[in-house]
Amino acid sequence: MIEFPPFAFFYLAALAAAVLPRVPRQALMLAVPVASCAALLQLPSDLLVSMSILDLQLEPLRVDRLSRLFGILFHIGAFIGIVFSLHSRDRTQHVAALAYAGSALGAVFAGDLLTLFVFWELLAVSSVFLIFASRTERSFGAGMRYLVIQVISGVLLLAGALILYGQSGSLRFEHIGLTGAGSMLIFIAFGIKCAFPLLHNWLTDAYPEATPTGTVFLSAFTTKVAVYALARGFAGTEVLVYIGAVMTCFPIFYAVIENDLRRVLAYSMINQIGFMVVGIGLGTALAINGAIAHAFNDVIFKGLLMMSMGAVLHMTGRINGSDLGGLYKSMPVTTTFCIVGAASISAFPLFSGFVSKSMVMVAVLEEGHPVVWLALLFASAGVFHHAGIKIPFFAFFAHDSGIRTQEAPTNMLIAMGIAAALCIGIGVWPWVLYDLLPFAVDYTPFDGSHILAQIQLLVFSAAAFAWLKVAGIYPPELHSTNIDVEWLYRRLAPRWVQQTTAASRRAVDATSRAGEGLGRNLMRLVLHHYGPDGTLARAWPTGSMVLWVAVLLGASLVLYYL
């Protein structure tokens, strides 16, 4: 039997989509994830395809429980995103989306670091066109910054892989751990794509500038490939526990004051990835299962929230909270789906977020990290504030902005409906997801204490939000620019380069002028002595010349025999 890799379906479809008319292209796009997922489910659960190229042993296709789960997830995310994008006539977005999904699948099924590097870079190249597709100056700048940072991540991955190959003679992608320079470079490469603190601004910079459909695909693949890579290569690395805890907390403050609702969701994405990183860092079966389950759920409920905001942007042309409000009257179905996504990300019982986030929280306590648990508790309350309440409240309720529009296109509603059904279905029947996880699950989410604690957290968080709004303390939605770490390379670094360049130019000019002056003085001195009228150009008597020659020879003899 010849194993046909799932990513090949998407690459072939991308080539066909580049030339097909709109209707056949749409039919092909809908069929590809279905056919590819069916082919994936037919592959053995312990498949490893290897080949030798230039004395390098490569494994371009590896299927196990971890990669299979992410493969299924990416097929679901691709199908939902494709349905959501059917109204678009932009061929570039369709081709880029198919290639992007194929690259994500190629990365999670890669069995060696060199193959992973190839798909790692293809992820960057294919996804950037979803940002460029907005065709604005802001999107072009954000896309270029995104591409540069993603390529740097790939270069670090390749450098680390080569160092490890030099040390071990193997490129196999398995547990790596922080054992040396090579593993550290790979860790940083994964961290960039995972949006670690101080390495995160490519996400909040670029994602909100993508098209409404492009953002849905972006939210599904890049960071989740990085989560997979961390789970594969660095499970049980303790520093990830603390990195993840920071990731869950710091985006909350930015999300609360942010006006652009898609940027709020970008910060929320970092917050949710933090829970996954904590679970991977713990490394226990329960923690890994919780992290992977939460990654699965995040693609769906974050995609649902991105789709609801994309529908708002598509129908109104606006996305700032200060410009919206009252849209529940015009877009009631979109409002309902957004609320389902908000309930899921907030981990309401019987919604998908609850059955995965609680696994990570319990694992943190079991491993004796009470401070980290408190940080995650704070982050859980914070995500309810900015994603569970702020997003639907300012977009669909709050003040009446006076905007009257139509409901989102049918294909958008169908895509949101599929995601909403999955959010509820997984929340009610989590064992369907649990059966796919890497380790056997011995965990019951619907424990009375878990449910009561979560309801208390949500009730008090909602009460705090209401009190802050009534008291006028909650940060208002304003047209403003919030300074994040990106200010260092978007504002400070260019300004420093400009000032340094100007200072260097002035120094070069001053040096040049000084050199020219010195040269002129030297030339005057030379002309004074050697010019036509110089001292050495005068006519001397022959006898005087003979005398001086005799003196010099005599002096030489004296010095020689001393």
Protein backbone atom coordinates (compact mmCIF):
# COMPACT_ATOMS: atom_id res chain seq x y z
CA MET A 1 0.00 0.00 0.00
CA ILE A 2 1.29 3.47 -0.93
CA GLU A 3 0.69 5.97 1.86
CA PHE A 4 -0.47 9.29 0.45
CA PRO A 5 0.40 12.07 2.91
CA PRO A 6 -2.53 14.30 3.89
CA PHE A 7 -0.67 17.51 3.08
CA ALA A 8 -0.31 16.42 -0.55
CA PHE A 9 -4.07 16.74 -1.07
CA PHE A 10 -3.94 20.41 -0.10
CA TYR A 11 -0.88 21.24 -2.19
CA LEU A 12 -2.39 19.65 -5.28
CA ALA A 13 -5.66 21.47 -4.62
CA ALA A 14 -3.77 24.76 -4.25
CA LEU A 15 -2.20 24.25 -7.69
CA ALA A 16 -5.59 23.46 -9.21
CA ALA A 17 -7.28 26.39 -7.45
CA ALA A 18 -4.80 28.74 -9.07
CA VAL A 19 -6.38 28.10 -12.50
CA LEU A 20 -9.94 26.87 -11.86
CA PRO A 21 -12.97 29.17 -12.21
CA ARG A 22 -14.81 30.17 -9.05
CA VAL A 23 -17.52 27.46 -8.81
CA PRO A 24 -15.26 24.45 -9.53
CA ARG A 25 -12.67 26.00 -7.23
CA GLN A 26 -15.18 26.24 -4.39
CA ALA A 27 -16.29 22.63 -4.91
CA LEU A 28 -12.68 21.46 -4.87
CA MET A 29 -11.93 23.42 -1.71
CA LEU A 30 -14.86 21.83 0.11
CA ALA A 31 -13.93 18.33 -1.04
CA VAL A 32 -10.23 18.47 -0.20
CA PRO A 33 -10.38 18.47 3.64
CA VAL A 34 -13.03 15.74 3.58
CA ALA A 35 -11.03 13.50 1.24
CA SER A 36 -7.76 14.21 3.01
CA CYS A 37 -9.18 13.49 6.46
CA ALA A 38 -10.70 10.25 5.19
CA ALA A 39 -7.28 9.24 3.86
CA LEU A 40 -5.69 10.14 7.20
CA LEU A 41 -8.12 7.95 9.12
CA GLN A 42 -7.15 5.02 6.88
CA LEU A 43 -3.46 5.31 7.78
CA PRO A 44 -2.10 3.04 10.55
CA SER A 45 -1.71 4.71 13.94
CA ASP A 46 1.99 3.78 14.10
CA LEU A 47 3.07 4.59 10.55
CA LEU A 48 6.60 5.78 9.80
CA VAL A 49 7.74 6.45 6.23
CA SER A 50 11.49 7.02 5.88
CA MET A 51 13.86 7.75 3.03
CA SER A 52 17.55 8.49 2.53
CA ILE A 53 18.66 11.61 0.64
CA LEU A 54 22.35 12.55 0.38
CA ASP A 55 23.16 10.25 3.30
CA LEU A 56 20.48 11.98 5.41
CA GLN A 57 17.85 9.71 6.94
CA LEU A 58 14.54 11.58 6.63
CA GLU A 59 11.07 10.67 7.88
CA PRO A 60 8.58 12.81 5.92
CA LEU A 61 5.52 11.02 7.29
CA ARG A 62 5.02 9.86 10.87
CA VAL A 63 1.59 9.03 12.24
CA ASP A 64 1.03 8.40 15.93
CA ARG A 65 -1.66 9.44 18.40
CA LEU A 66 -0.26 12.95 18.85
CA SER A 67 0.18 13.77 15.18
CA ARG A 68 -3.11 12.10 14.22
CA LEU A 69 -5.07 14.26 16.67
CA PHE A 70 -3.51 17.47 15.33
CA GLY A 71 -4.11 16.21 11.81
CA ILE A 72 -7.81 15.73 12.53
CA LEU A 73 -7.94 19.14 14.19
CA PHE A 74 -6.33 20.89 11.22
CA HIS A 75 -8.74 19.23 8.82
CA ILE A 76 -11.66 20.50 10.90
CA GLY A 77 -10.15 23.98 11.08
CA ALA A 78 -9.47 24.00 7.34
CA PHE A 79 -13.01 22.87 6.48
CA ILE A 80 -14.64 25.50 8.71
CA GLY A 81 -12.35 28.21 7.34
CA ILE A 82 -13.07 27.19 3.75
CA VAL A 83 -16.83 27.29 4.31
CA PHE A 84 -16.45 30.73 5.90
CA SER A 85 -14.47 31.98 2.87
CA LEU A 86 -16.81 30.79 0.11
CA HIS A 87 -18.30 34.26 -0.42
CA SER A 88 -14.87 35.59 -1.37
CA ARG A 89 -13.84 35.82 -5.02
CA ASP A 90 -10.18 36.36 -4.15
CA ARG A 91 -8.24 33.54 -5.79
CA THR A 92 -5.07 34.51 -3.92
CA GLN A 93 -6.69 33.90 -0.55
CA HIS A 94 -8.06 30.53 -1.65
CA VAL A 95 -4.70 29.31 -2.94
CA ALA A 96 -2.85 30.64 0.10
CA ALA A 97 -5.34 29.06 2.52
CA LEU A 98 -5.00 25.63 0.91
CA ALA A 99 -1.20 25.81 0.86
CA TYR A 100 -1.20 27.07 4.46
CA ALA A 101 -3.34 24.18 5.68
CA GLY A 102 -1.15 21.74 3.78
CA SER A 103 1.98 23.20 5.37
CA ALA A 104 0.48 22.85 8.85
CA LEU A 105 -0.33 19.20 8.17
CA GLY A 106 3.14 18.60 6.76
CA ALA A 107 4.70 20.05 9.91
CA VAL A 108 2.76 17.87 12.36
CA PHE A 109 3.43 14.70 10.36
CA ALA A 110 7.15 15.43 9.95
CA GLY A 111 9.30 12.80 11.62
CA ASP A 112 12.62 14.63 11.30
CA LEU A 113 13.84 18.16 11.93
CA LEU A 114 14.81 18.90 8.33
CA THR A 115 11.34 18.04 7.03
CA LEU A 116 9.88 20.07 9.88
CA PHE A 117 12.05 23.03 8.83
CA VAL A 118 10.78 22.86 5.24
CA PHE A 119 7.14 22.97 6.30
CA TRP A 120 7.97 25.51 9.03
CA GLU A 121 9.10 27.96 6.36
CA LEU A 122 6.27 27.07 3.98
CA LEU A 123 3.87 27.97 6.79
CA ALA A 124 5.35 31.47 6.86
CA VAL A 125 5.42 31.99 3.10
CA SER A 126 1.89 30.72 2.45
CA SER A 127 0.23 32.46 5.40
CA VAL A 128 1.67 35.92 4.74
CA PHE A 129 -0.51 36.25 1.63
CA LEU A 130 -3.58 36.10 3.86
CA ILE A 131 -2.26 39.28 5.50
CA PHE A 132 -1.24 40.94 2.24
CA ALA A 133 -4.72 40.18 0.86
CA SER A 134 -6.18 43.12 2.77
CA ARG A 135 -4.27 45.28 0.27
CA THR A 136 -3.62 48.17 2.62
CA GLU A 137 -0.40 49.89 3.62
CA ARG A 138 -0.86 48.69 7.21
CA SER A 139 -1.38 45.08 6.14
CA PHE A 140 1.70 45.17 3.90
CA GLY A 141 3.88 46.50 6.72
CA ALA A 142 2.47 44.01 9.22
CA GLY A 143 2.87 41.18 6.72
CA MET A 144 6.52 42.01 6.07
CA ARG A 145 7.28 42.15 9.79
CA TYR A 146 5.42 38.85 10.25
CA LEU A 147 7.38 37.21 7.43
CA VAL A 148 10.77 38.40 8.70
CA ILE A 149 10.11 37.09 12.22
CA GLN A 150 8.78 33.76 10.96
CA VAL A 151 11.78 33.29 8.67
CA ILE A 152 14.11 34.07 11.59
CA SER A 153 12.31 31.34 13.54
CA GLY A 154 12.98 28.93 10.68
CA VAL A 155 16.65 29.86 10.48
CA LEU A 156 17.04 29.21 14.21
CA LEU A 157 15.31 25.85 13.80
CA LEU A 158 17.66 24.88 10.96
CA ALA A 159 20.75 26.00 12.86
CA GLY A 160 19.70 24.03 15.93
CA ALA A 161 18.93 20.96 13.83
CA LEU A 162 22.36 21.08 12.19
CA ILE A 163 24.09 21.39 15.57
CA LEU A 164 22.15 18.39 16.91
CA TYR A 165 22.96 16.44 13.74
CA GLY A 166 26.64 17.20 14.20
CA GLN A 167 26.47 15.93 17.78
CA SER A 168 24.29 12.84 17.33
CA GLY A 169 24.30 12.06 13.61
CA SER A 170 20.48 11.99 13.62
CA LEU A 171 17.77 14.43 12.52
CA ARG A 172 14.92 12.49 14.09
CA PHE A 173 12.30 14.74 15.69
CA GLU A 174 11.59 13.33 19.12
CA HIS A 175 12.05 14.55 22.68
CA ILE A 176 14.87 17.11 22.66
CA GLY A 177 14.99 18.86 26.03
CA LEU A 178 17.24 21.78 26.90
CA THR A 179 20.61 20.04 26.68
CA GLY A 180 22.84 22.40 24.72
CA ALA A 181 23.17 25.17 22.16
CA GLY A 182 21.36 23.26 19.42
CA SER A 183 18.36 22.45 21.57
CA MET A 184 18.26 26.02 22.85
CA LEU A 185 18.07 27.40 19.30
CA ILE A 186 15.23 25.01 18.49
CA PHE A 187 13.46 25.97 21.72
CA ILE A 188 13.66 29.67 20.78
CA ALA A 189 12.41 28.88 17.27
CA PHE A 190 9.39 27.10 18.71
CA GLY A 191 8.93 29.92 21.22
CA ILE A 192 8.75 32.56 18.50
CA LYS A 193 5.99 30.69 16.69
CA CYS A 194 4.26 30.00 20.00
CA ALA A 195 4.28 33.75 20.85
CA PHE A 196 6.33 33.54 24.03
CA PRO A 197 6.49 36.77 26.07
CA LEU A 198 8.69 39.40 24.34
CA LEU A 199 8.47 37.29 21.17
CA HIS A 200 4.73 37.66 20.73
CA ASN A 201 4.13 40.91 18.90
CA TRP A 202 4.15 39.45 15.41
CA LEU A 203 0.80 37.89 16.34
CA THR A 204 -0.95 40.98 17.70
CA ASP A 205 0.60 43.06 14.92
CA ALA A 206 -0.28 40.90 11.91
CA TYR A 207 -3.45 38.93 12.68
CA PRO A 208 -5.77 41.95 13.01
CA GLU A 209 -4.52 43.26 9.65
CA ALA A 210 -5.48 40.11 7.74
CA THR A 211 -8.73 39.75 5.85
CA PRO A 212 -11.81 38.54 7.78
CA THR A 213 -11.37 35.07 6.28
CA GLY A 214 -7.58 35.11 6.54
CA THR A 215 -7.70 35.68 10.29
CA VAL A 216 -9.76 32.51 10.73
CA PHE A 217 -7.07 30.40 9.06
CA LEU A 218 -4.26 32.21 10.87
CA SER A 219 -5.84 31.56 14.26
CA ALA A 220 -6.03 27.83 13.51
CA PHE A 221 -2.59 26.81 12.33
CA THR A 222 0.64 28.69 13.08
CA THR A 223 0.58 28.78 16.87
CA LYS A 224 -0.94 25.29 17.12
CA VAL A 225 1.89 23.85 15.04
CA ALA A 226 4.23 25.41 17.60
CA VAL A 227 2.23 23.90 20.47
CA TYR A 228 2.52 20.51 18.80
CA ALA A 229 6.27 20.99 18.34
CA LEU A 230 6.73 21.90 22.00
CA ALA A 231 4.70 18.88 23.09
CA ARG A 232 6.79 16.63 20.86
CA GLY A 233 10.21 18.05 21.68
CA PHE A 234 10.08 19.71 25.10
CA ALA A 235 7.41 18.01 27.21
CA GLY A 236 8.34 18.15 30.88
CA THR A 237 10.68 21.16 30.49
CA GLU A 238 9.97 23.01 33.74
CA VAL A 239 10.76 26.50 32.47
CA LEU A 240 7.70 26.19 30.22
CA VAL A 241 5.48 26.16 33.32
CA TYR A 242 6.59 29.66 34.24
CA ILE A 243 6.68 30.95 30.67
CA GLY A 244 3.14 29.70 30.20
CA ALA A 245 1.97 31.30 33.45
CA VAL A 246 3.28 34.67 32.27
CA MET A 247 1.61 34.14 28.90
CA THR A 248 -1.75 33.60 30.55
CA CYS A 249 -1.57 36.81 32.57
CA PHE A 250 0.13 39.69 30.75
CA PRO A 251 -2.14 39.76 27.64
CA ILE A 252 -5.16 40.41 29.85
CA PHE A 253 -4.09 43.97 30.60
CA TYR A 254 -3.60 44.76 26.92
CA ALA A 255 -6.85 43.08 25.90
CA VAL A 256 -8.87 45.07 28.42
CA ILE A 257 -7.67 48.44 27.07
CA GLU A 258 -7.59 47.47 23.38
CA ASN A 259 -10.24 48.98 21.09
CA ASP A 260 -9.75 46.78 18.00
CA LEU A 261 -11.81 43.69 18.82
CA ARG A 262 -9.79 41.39 16.56
CA ARG A 263 -6.63 42.53 18.34
CA VAL A 264 -8.39 41.74 21.64
CA LEU A 265 -8.83 38.19 20.33
CA ALA A 266 -5.16 38.10 19.29
CA TYR A 267 -4.13 38.89 22.87
CA SER A 268 -6.67 36.33 24.04
CA MET A 269 -4.98 33.76 21.82
CA ILE A 270 -1.68 34.28 23.64
CA ASN A 271 -3.55 33.91 26.93
CA GLN A 272 -5.01 30.56 25.89
CA ILE A 273 -1.72 29.28 24.48
CA GLY A 274 -0.27 29.98 27.91
CA PHE A 275 -2.51 27.29 29.42
CA MET A 276 -1.22 24.82 26.82
CA VAL A 277 2.41 25.75 27.48
CA VAL A 278 1.94 25.25 31.22
CA GLY A 279 0.51 21.78 30.61
CA ILE A 280 3.38 20.84 28.29
CA GLY A 281 5.90 22.10 30.83
CA LEU A 282 4.41 19.92 33.57
CA GLY A 283 4.82 16.89 31.34
CA THR A 284 2.46 14.52 33.18
CA ALA A 285 -0.12 12.48 31.30
CA LEU A 286 -3.00 14.58 32.66
CA ALA A 287 -1.20 17.85 31.88
CA ILE A 288 -0.25 16.84 28.33
CA ASN A 289 -3.76 15.60 27.68
CA GLY A 290 -5.17 18.86 29.01
CA ALA A 291 -2.81 20.97 26.90
CA ILE A 292 -3.57 19.06 23.70
CA ALA A 293 -7.31 19.01 24.39
CA HIS A 294 -7.25 22.75 25.01
CA ALA A 295 -5.36 23.31 21.74
CA PHE A 296 -8.07 21.31 19.98
CA ASN A 297 -10.85 23.33 21.58
CA ASP A 298 -9.07 26.65 21.10
CA VAL A 299 -8.94 26.23 17.33
CA ILE A 300 -12.71 25.83 17.33
CA PHE A 301 -13.90 28.43 19.85
CA LYS A 302 -11.26 31.00 18.91
CA GLY A 303 -12.12 30.39 15.29
CA LEU A 304 -15.79 30.96 16.14
CA LEU A 305 -15.01 34.27 17.82
CA MET A 306 -12.77 35.32 14.92
CA MET A 307 -15.53 34.41 12.48
CA SER A 308 -18.12 36.42 14.38
CA MET A 309 -15.85 39.47 14.41
CA GLY A 310 -14.96 38.84 10.77
CA ALA A 311 -18.66 38.81 9.93
CA VAL A 312 -19.10 42.12 11.76
CA LEU A 313 -16.17 43.63 9.87
CA HIS A 314 -17.45 42.25 6.56
CA MET A 315 -20.96 43.65 7.06
CA THR A 316 -20.14 47.00 8.68
CA GLY A 317 -16.56 47.78 7.68
CA ARG A 318 -15.81 48.51 11.36
CA ILE A 319 -14.13 46.52 14.11
CA ASN A 320 -13.37 48.99 16.91
CA GLY A 321 -15.51 48.59 20.01
CA SER A 322 -16.03 52.35 20.16
CA ASP A 323 -17.67 52.27 16.71
CA LEU A 324 -19.94 49.27 17.28
CA GLY A 325 -22.86 48.33 19.50
CA GLY A 326 -26.50 47.39 19.05
CA LEU A 327 -25.78 44.92 16.26
CA TYR A 328 -27.85 42.20 17.92
CA LYS A 329 -30.84 43.84 16.24
CA SER A 330 -29.40 43.40 12.75
CA MET A 331 -27.27 40.28 13.24
CA PRO A 332 -29.06 38.11 15.83
CA VAL A 333 -27.71 34.77 14.55
CA THR A 334 -24.12 36.01 14.53
CA THR A 335 -24.70 37.39 18.03
CA THR A 336 -25.87 33.99 19.24
CA PHE A 337 -22.87 32.20 17.76
CA CYS A 338 -20.51 34.78 19.27
CA ILE A 339 -22.03 34.18 22.71
CA VAL A 340 -21.46 30.42 22.29
CA GLY A 341 -17.81 31.10 21.48
CA ALA A 342 -17.54 33.47 24.45
CA ALA A 343 -19.03 30.86 26.78
CA SER A 344 -16.60 28.25 25.46
CA ILE A 345 -13.45 30.33 25.87
CA SER A 346 -14.65 31.36 29.34
CA ALA A 347 -14.95 27.67 30.28
CA PHE A 348 -18.64 27.64 31.16
CA PRO A 349 -19.70 24.13 32.19
CA LEU A 350 -21.14 22.15 29.26
CA PHE A 351 -19.00 24.13 26.81
CA SER A 352 -15.75 22.89 25.30
CA GLY A 353 -13.31 25.14 27.17
CA PHE A 354 -14.41 23.77 30.53
CA VAL A 355 -13.52 20.14 29.78
CA SER A 356 -9.94 20.95 28.75
CA LYS A 357 -8.88 23.96 30.83
CA SER A 358 -9.90 22.23 34.05
CA MET A 359 -7.52 19.34 33.22
CA VAL A 360 -4.57 21.74 33.16
CA MET A 361 -5.69 23.45 36.37
CA VAL A 362 -5.98 20.15 38.23
CA ALA A 363 -2.60 18.96 36.90
CA VAL A 364 -0.94 22.16 38.16
CA LEU A 365 -2.26 21.55 41.69
CA GLU A 366 -1.30 17.88 41.60
CA GLU A 367 2.29 18.81 40.71
CA GLY A 368 2.57 21.29 43.59
CA HIS A 369 2.54 24.69 41.88
CA PRO A 370 0.08 26.77 43.94
CA VAL A 371 1.45 30.12 42.73
CA VAL A 372 1.10 29.05 39.10
CA TRP A 373 -2.41 27.82 39.87
CA LEU A 374 -3.32 31.24 41.27
CA ALA A 375 -1.92 32.85 38.13
CA LEU A 376 -4.07 30.57 35.98
CA LEU A 377 -7.09 31.34 38.15
CA PHE A 378 -6.51 35.07 37.63
CA ALA A 379 -6.07 34.45 33.90
CA SER A 380 -9.33 32.50 33.78
CA ALA A 381 -11.17 35.44 35.30
CA GLY A 382 -9.38 37.81 32.94
CA VAL A 383 -10.27 35.90 29.80
CA PHE A 384 -13.93 35.98 30.85
CA HIS A 385 -13.62 39.76 31.12
CA HIS A 386 -12.02 40.49 27.77
CA ALA A 387 -13.24 37.63 25.57
CA GLY A 388 -16.31 36.28 27.34
CA ILE A 389 -17.90 39.66 28.08
CA LYS A 390 -16.08 42.46 26.25
CA ILE A 391 -16.22 40.97 22.75
CA PRO A 392 -19.98 40.28 22.56
CA PHE A 393 -20.90 43.24 24.77
CA PHE A 394 -19.15 45.98 22.79
CA ALA A 395 -19.86 44.46 19.38
CA PHE A 396 -23.52 43.56 19.76
CA PHE A 397 -24.86 45.34 22.84
CA ALA A 398 -23.41 48.30 24.80
CA HIS A 399 -24.62 51.59 23.29
CA ASP A 400 -26.62 51.62 20.07
CA SER A 401 -24.18 52.76 17.40
CA GLY A 402 -27.03 53.31 14.95
CA ILE A 403 -25.56 50.81 12.48
CA ARG A 404 -28.24 48.86 10.67
CA THR A 405 -27.05 46.11 8.39
CA GLN A 406 -28.03 42.65 7.23
CA GLU A 407 -27.18 39.29 8.71
CA ALA A 408 -23.90 37.73 7.63
CA PRO A 409 -23.82 35.70 4.38
CA THR A 410 -25.17 32.16 4.56
CA ASN A 411 -21.78 30.49 4.18
CA MET A 412 -20.45 32.48 7.15
CA LEU A 413 -23.43 31.46 9.28
CA ILE A 414 -22.97 27.80 8.32
CA ALA A 415 -19.29 27.91 9.28
CA MET A 416 -20.09 29.58 12.61
CA GLY A 417 -22.89 27.07 13.18
CA ILE A 418 -20.51 24.12 12.69
CA ALA A 419 -18.03 25.61 15.16
CA ALA A 420 -20.77 26.42 17.68
CA ALA A 421 -22.13 22.87 17.45
CA LEU A 422 -18.65 21.48 18.13
CA CYS A 423 -18.21 23.81 21.12
CA ILE A 424 -21.40 22.51 22.66
CA GLY A 425 -20.95 18.90 21.54
CA ILE A 426 -17.46 18.57 23.01
CA GLY A 427 -18.63 20.33 26.17
CA VAL A 428 -21.45 17.83 26.66
CA TRP A 429 -19.67 14.69 25.37
CA PRO A 430 -15.97 15.30 26.09
CA TRP A 431 -15.15 11.60 25.94
CA VAL A 432 -15.23 11.76 22.15
CA LEU A 433 -12.25 14.11 22.35
CA TYR A 434 -10.65 12.31 25.29
CA ASP A 435 -10.48 9.09 23.26
CA LEU A 436 -8.23 10.83 20.73
CA LEU A 437 -5.71 12.19 23.25
CA PRO A 438 -2.13 10.85 23.47
CA PHE A 439 -2.61 9.16 26.87
CA ALA A 440 -5.47 7.26 28.45
CA VAL A 441 -7.74 9.70 30.27
CA ASP A 442 -8.63 9.07 33.90
CA TYR A 443 -10.39 12.34 34.54
CA THR A 444 -14.00 13.34 35.13
CA PRO A 445 -14.70 16.99 34.26
CA PHE A 446 -18.23 17.05 35.65
CA ASP A 447 -17.15 16.85 39.26
CA GLY A 448 -19.27 18.90 41.65
CA SER A 449 -16.32 20.81 43.07
CA HIS A 450 -14.99 21.68 39.59
CA ILE A 451 -18.36 22.94 38.43
CA LEU A 452 -19.04 24.93 41.59
CA ALA A 453 -15.61 26.55 41.59
CA GLN A 454 -15.91 27.54 37.94
CA ILE A 455 -19.41 28.98 38.38
CA GLN A 456 -18.23 31.01 41.36
CA LEU A 457 -15.31 32.35 39.34
CA LEU A 458 -17.58 33.34 36.45
CA VAL A 459 -20.24 34.94 38.67
CA PHE A 460 -17.75 37.06 40.59
CA SER A 461 -15.95 38.03 37.39
CA ALA A 462 -19.22 39.14 35.82
CA ALA A 463 -20.10 41.09 38.96
CA ALA A 464 -16.69 42.78 38.88
CA PHE A 465 -17.17 43.77 35.23
CA ALA A 466 -20.64 45.18 35.95
CA TRP A 467 -19.38 47.16 38.94
CA LEU A 468 -16.43 48.57 36.98
CA LYS A 469 -18.76 49.67 34.17
CA VAL A 470 -21.32 51.25 36.49
CA ALA A 471 -18.62 52.99 38.52
CA GLY A 472 -17.00 54.31 35.35
CA ILE A 473 -13.68 52.64 36.18
CA TYR A 474 -13.59 50.15 33.32
CA PRO A 475 -11.19 51.40 30.60
CA PRO A 476 -13.21 53.14 27.87
CA GLU A 477 -13.00 52.09 24.23
CA LEU A 478 -10.82 54.78 22.65
CA HIS A 479 -9.11 55.29 19.31
CA SER A 480 -5.56 54.94 20.54
CA THR A 481 -2.29 53.07 20.10
CA ASN A 482 -1.27 50.87 23.01
CA ILE A 483 2.47 50.54 23.48
CA ASP A 484 3.68 46.95 23.60
CA VAL A 485 7.10 45.38 23.14
CA GLU A 486 6.72 45.88 19.39
CA TRP A 487 7.36 49.59 20.05
CA LEU A 488 11.01 48.64 20.46
CA TYR A 489 11.37 47.44 16.87
CA ARG A 490 8.62 49.46 15.19
CA ARG A 491 9.40 52.86 16.71
CA LEU A 492 12.51 52.88 18.91
CA ALA A 493 14.75 50.76 16.68
CA PRO A 494 14.03 52.71 13.46
CA ARG A 495 14.48 55.99 15.33
CA TRP A 496 17.77 54.74 16.81
CA VAL A 497 18.93 53.60 13.37
CA GLN A 498 18.04 56.98 11.87
CA GLN A 499 19.84 58.89 14.61
CA THR A 500 22.86 56.58 14.49
CA THR A 501 22.99 56.86 10.71
CA ALA A 502 22.78 60.65 10.90
CA ALA A 503 25.52 60.78 13.56
CA SER A 504 27.69 58.43 11.52
CA ARG A 505 27.15 60.57 8.43
CA ARG A 506 28.17 63.70 10.34
CA ALA A 507 31.26 61.93 11.69
CA VAL A 508 32.21 60.75 8.20
CA ASP A 509 31.71 64.26 6.81
CA ALA A 510 33.83 65.80 9.59
CA THR A 511 36.55 63.19 9.07
CA SER A 512 36.44 63.81 5.34
CA ARG A 513 36.77 67.56 5.80
CA ALA A 514 39.67 67.09 8.24
CA GLY A 515 41.36 64.72 5.80
CA GLU A 516 40.91 67.16 2.96
CA GLY A 517 42.45 69.97 5.07
CA LEU A 518 45.37 67.76 6.08
CA GLY A 519 45.89 66.78 2.47
CA ARG A 520 45.94 70.38 1.31
CA ASN A 521 48.50 71.32 4.00
CA LEU A 522 50.65 68.34 3.08
CA MET A 523 50.55 69.28 -0.60
CA ARG A 524 51.58 72.85 0.20
CA LEU A 525 54.51 71.49 2.22
CA VAL A 526 55.57 69.17 -0.60
CA LEU A 527 55.31 71.93 -3.18
CA HIS A 528 57.32 74.23 -0.95
CA HIS A 529 60.24 71.80 -0.91
CA TYR A 530 59.84 69.83 -4.13
CA GLY A 531 57.91 72.16 -6.40
CA PRO A 532 59.41 74.10 -9.33
CA ASP A 533 60.37 76.91 -6.95
CA GLY A 534 61.16 74.67 -3.98
CA THR A 535 64.39 74.44 -2.08
CA LEU A 536 65.44 71.14 -3.63
CA ALA A 537 64.69 72.40 -7.13
CA ARG A 538 67.36 75.12 -7.05
CA ALA A 539 70.61 74.83 -9.09
CA TRP A 540 73.65 73.93 -6.91
CA PRO A 541 77.36 74.21 -7.92
CA THR A 542 79.01 70.91 -8.87
CA GLY A 543 81.80 71.37 -6.37
CA SER A 544 79.33 71.81 -3.54
CA MET A 545 77.60 68.59 -4.51
CA VAL A 546 80.93 66.69 -4.53
CA LEU A 547 81.74 68.10 -1.12
CA TRP A 548 78.47 66.90 0.37
CA VAL A 549 78.89 63.45 -1.17
CA ALA A 550 82.34 63.19 0.38
CA VAL A 551 80.97 64.27 3.76
CA LEU A 552 78.19 61.69 3.66
CA LEU A 553 80.55 58.87 2.61
CA GLY A 554 82.98 59.83 5.34
CA ALA A 555 80.23 59.83 7.94
CA SER A 556 79.11 56.40 6.73
CA LEU A 557 82.63 54.98 7.09
CA VAL A 558 83.02 56.39 10.57
CA LEU A 559 79.70 54.93 11.69
CA TYR A 560 80.49 51.56 10.10
CA TYR A 561 83.87 51.14 11.89
CA LEU A 562 82.81 52.46 15.30
